[in-house]
């Protein structure tokens, strides 16, 4: 597993394509497409999928275990990702955005993610955090 791949030019585009495939796969509940964004031995860490029932982070190592977890814990949702920031630096991708309940629906959460990639643009490591209510929601009430 390569943790220090430096991306430039077309490699940066490959990383963006992988991130876009990951997000579109989540939105479509196409978990095979999501899993195909990852290397066989990838590490995946995500906040608890149902924090009211379990606050433990959803974490696995390996593409097969990721696929099983997505099918059993994440399941299908109508949420839509709006990506507000995306950058690639020091061999990692960083992104930030919000989730909407539907394409034009209310905000559900804010999120940030960080990923490491191999030379082919596949994820070797993905760590995501979210905030519910979304960042800035308290200011909207003023």
Protein backbone atom coordinates (compact mmCIF):
# COMPACT_ATOMS: atom_id res chain seq x y z
CA UNK A 1 0.00 0.00 0.00
CA UNK A 2 1.43 3.36 -1.02
CA UNK A 3 0.73 6.25 1.34
CA UNK A 4 2.94 8.93 -0.24
CA UNK A 5 1.94 9.09 -3.89
CA UNK A 6 2.25 12.68 -5.17
CA UNK A 7 -0.38 13.62 -7.74
CA UNK A 8 -0.20 16.12 -10.56
CA UNK A 9 -1.95 16.76 -13.85
CA UNK A 10 -3.77 13.68 -15.12
CA UNK A 11 -3.18 11.84 -11.82
CA UNK A 12 -5.13 14.59 -10.03
CA UNK A 13 -7.96 14.01 -12.51
CA UNK A 14 -7.89 10.26 -11.76
CA UNK A 15 -8.28 11.01 -8.05
CA UNK A 16 -11.23 13.31 -8.77
CA UNK A 17 -12.85 10.64 -10.96
CA UNK A 18 -12.49 8.12 -8.12
CA UNK A 19 -14.03 10.53 -5.60
CA UNK A 20 -16.89 11.30 -8.00
CA UNK A 21 -17.49 7.56 -8.58
CA UNK A 22 -17.48 7.00 -4.81
CA UNK A 23 -20.03 9.77 -4.18
CA UNK A 24 -22.29 8.85 -7.12
CA UNK A 25 -22.16 5.20 -6.04
CA UNK A 26 -23.26 6.13 -2.53
CA UNK A 27 -26.12 8.24 -3.86
CA UNK A 28 -27.31 5.44 -6.14
CA UNK A 29 -26.77 2.74 -3.47
CA UNK A 30 -24.48 1.06 -6.02
CA UNK A 31 -22.16 -0.39 -3.43
CA UNK A 32 -20.26 -2.50 -5.96
CA UNK A 33 -19.25 0.73 -7.72
CA UNK A 34 -18.26 2.23 -4.36
CA UNK A 35 -16.17 -0.81 -3.41
CA UNK A 36 -14.43 -0.73 -6.80
CA UNK A 37 -13.01 2.68 -5.88
CA UNK A 38 -10.84 0.95 -3.25
CA UNK A 39 -7.80 -1.30 -3.30
CA UNK A 40 -8.16 -4.87 -1.97
CA UNK A 41 -6.53 -3.96 1.37
CA UNK A 42 -7.99 -0.45 1.82
CA UNK A 43 -8.86 1.02 5.22
CA UNK A 44 -12.25 2.72 5.56
CA UNK A 45 -13.49 4.80 8.50
CA UNK A 46 -16.87 6.53 8.66
CA UNK A 47 -18.98 7.89 11.48
CA UNK A 48 -21.65 5.60 12.92
CA UNK A 49 -24.35 5.01 10.32
CA UNK A 50 -27.10 5.12 12.95
CA UNK A 51 -25.68 7.17 15.85
CA UNK A 52 -28.94 6.92 17.82
CA UNK A 53 -28.41 3.15 18.09
CA UNK A 54 -24.63 2.88 18.06
CA UNK A 55 -21.97 5.59 18.32
CA UNK A 56 -19.07 3.35 17.25
CA UNK A 57 -17.37 4.42 14.00
CA UNK A 58 -17.95 2.14 11.05
CA UNK A 59 -14.46 0.86 10.21
CA UNK A 60 -13.18 -2.00 8.09
CA UNK A 61 -10.07 -3.13 6.30
CA UNK A 62 -10.48 -4.69 2.87
CA UNK A 63 -12.72 -4.12 -0.14
CA UNK A 64 -14.90 -7.17 0.56
CA UNK A 65 -15.57 -6.15 4.15
CA UNK A 66 -16.34 -2.60 2.98
CA UNK A 67 -18.92 -3.94 0.53
CA UNK A 68 -20.53 -6.08 3.24
CA UNK A 69 -20.65 -3.15 5.67
CA UNK A 70 -22.18 -0.76 3.14
CA UNK A 71 -24.90 -3.27 2.30
CA UNK A 72 -25.70 -4.10 5.93
CA UNK A 73 -25.22 -0.75 7.69
CA UNK A 74 -25.40 2.15 5.26
CA UNK A 75 -28.14 0.86 3.00
CA UNK A 76 -29.96 3.07 0.48
CA UNK A 77 -30.56 6.76 1.20
CA UNK A 78 -31.91 9.64 -0.85
CA UNK A 79 -29.15 11.99 0.31
CA UNK A 80 -27.33 14.13 -2.25
CA UNK A 81 -23.73 15.30 -1.76
CA UNK A 82 -22.81 18.90 -2.57
CA UNK A 83 -19.04 19.20 -2.83
CA UNK A 84 -17.84 22.65 -1.76
CA UNK A 85 -14.07 22.12 -1.64
CA UNK A 86 -11.73 19.56 -3.19
CA UNK A 87 -7.94 19.53 -3.19
CA UNK A 88 -5.13 17.07 -3.67
CA UNK A 89 -1.89 17.66 -1.78
CA UNK A 90 0.93 15.53 -0.40
CA UNK A 91 -0.54 12.36 -1.87
CA UNK A 92 -3.93 12.86 -0.26
CA UNK A 93 -7.31 14.18 -1.25
CA UNK A 94 -9.26 16.49 1.04
CA UNK A 95 -12.88 17.43 0.50
CA UNK A 96 -15.68 19.28 2.25
CA UNK A 97 -19.36 19.66 1.54
CA UNK A 98 -22.94 19.23 2.69
CA UNK A 99 -25.57 16.52 2.40
CA UNK A 100 -29.13 17.31 1.37
CA UNK A 101 -32.10 15.07 2.05
CA UNK A 102 -32.94 15.19 -1.68
CA UNK A 103 -31.52 17.17 -4.63
CA UNK A 104 -33.38 20.34 -3.67
CA UNK A 105 -34.29 19.31 -0.13
CA UNK A 106 -33.16 20.54 3.27
CA UNK A 107 -29.60 20.21 4.55
CA UNK A 108 -28.95 17.08 6.61
CA UNK A 109 -25.26 17.33 7.51
CA UNK A 110 -21.87 18.79 6.71
CA UNK A 111 -18.97 16.45 5.92
CA UNK A 112 -15.22 16.34 5.43
CA UNK A 113 -13.19 13.48 4.05
CA UNK A 114 -9.57 12.60 3.49
CA UNK A 115 -8.28 9.86 1.24
CA UNK A 116 -4.97 8.31 0.22
CA UNK A 117 -4.62 6.75 -3.22
CA UNK A 118 -2.41 4.29 -5.06
CA UNK A 119 -0.71 5.03 -8.38
CA UNK A 120 -3.84 3.97 -10.31
CA UNK A 121 -6.06 6.41 -8.43
CA UNK A 122 -7.72 3.78 -6.21
CA UNK A 123 -8.37 4.59 -2.57
CA UNK A 124 -6.02 2.94 -0.09
CA UNK A 125 -7.46 4.82 2.90
CA UNK A 126 -10.63 6.86 3.44
CA UNK A 127 -11.61 8.70 6.62
CA UNK A 128 -14.85 10.72 6.77
CA UNK A 129 -16.46 12.89 9.43
CA UNK A 130 -19.88 14.52 9.49
CA UNK A 131 -21.71 17.07 11.56
CA UNK A 132 -25.44 16.96 12.29
CA UNK A 133 -26.87 19.56 12.28
CA UNK A 134 -24.82 21.02 9.43
CA UNK A 135 -22.08 23.54 10.13
CA UNK A 136 -23.62 27.02 10.26
CA UNK A 137 -27.14 25.82 11.09
CA UNK A 138 -27.07 27.58 14.48
CA UNK A 139 -26.43 30.90 12.74
CA UNK A 140 -29.44 30.43 10.43
CA UNK A 141 -31.71 30.49 13.49
CA UNK A 142 -30.54 34.02 14.43
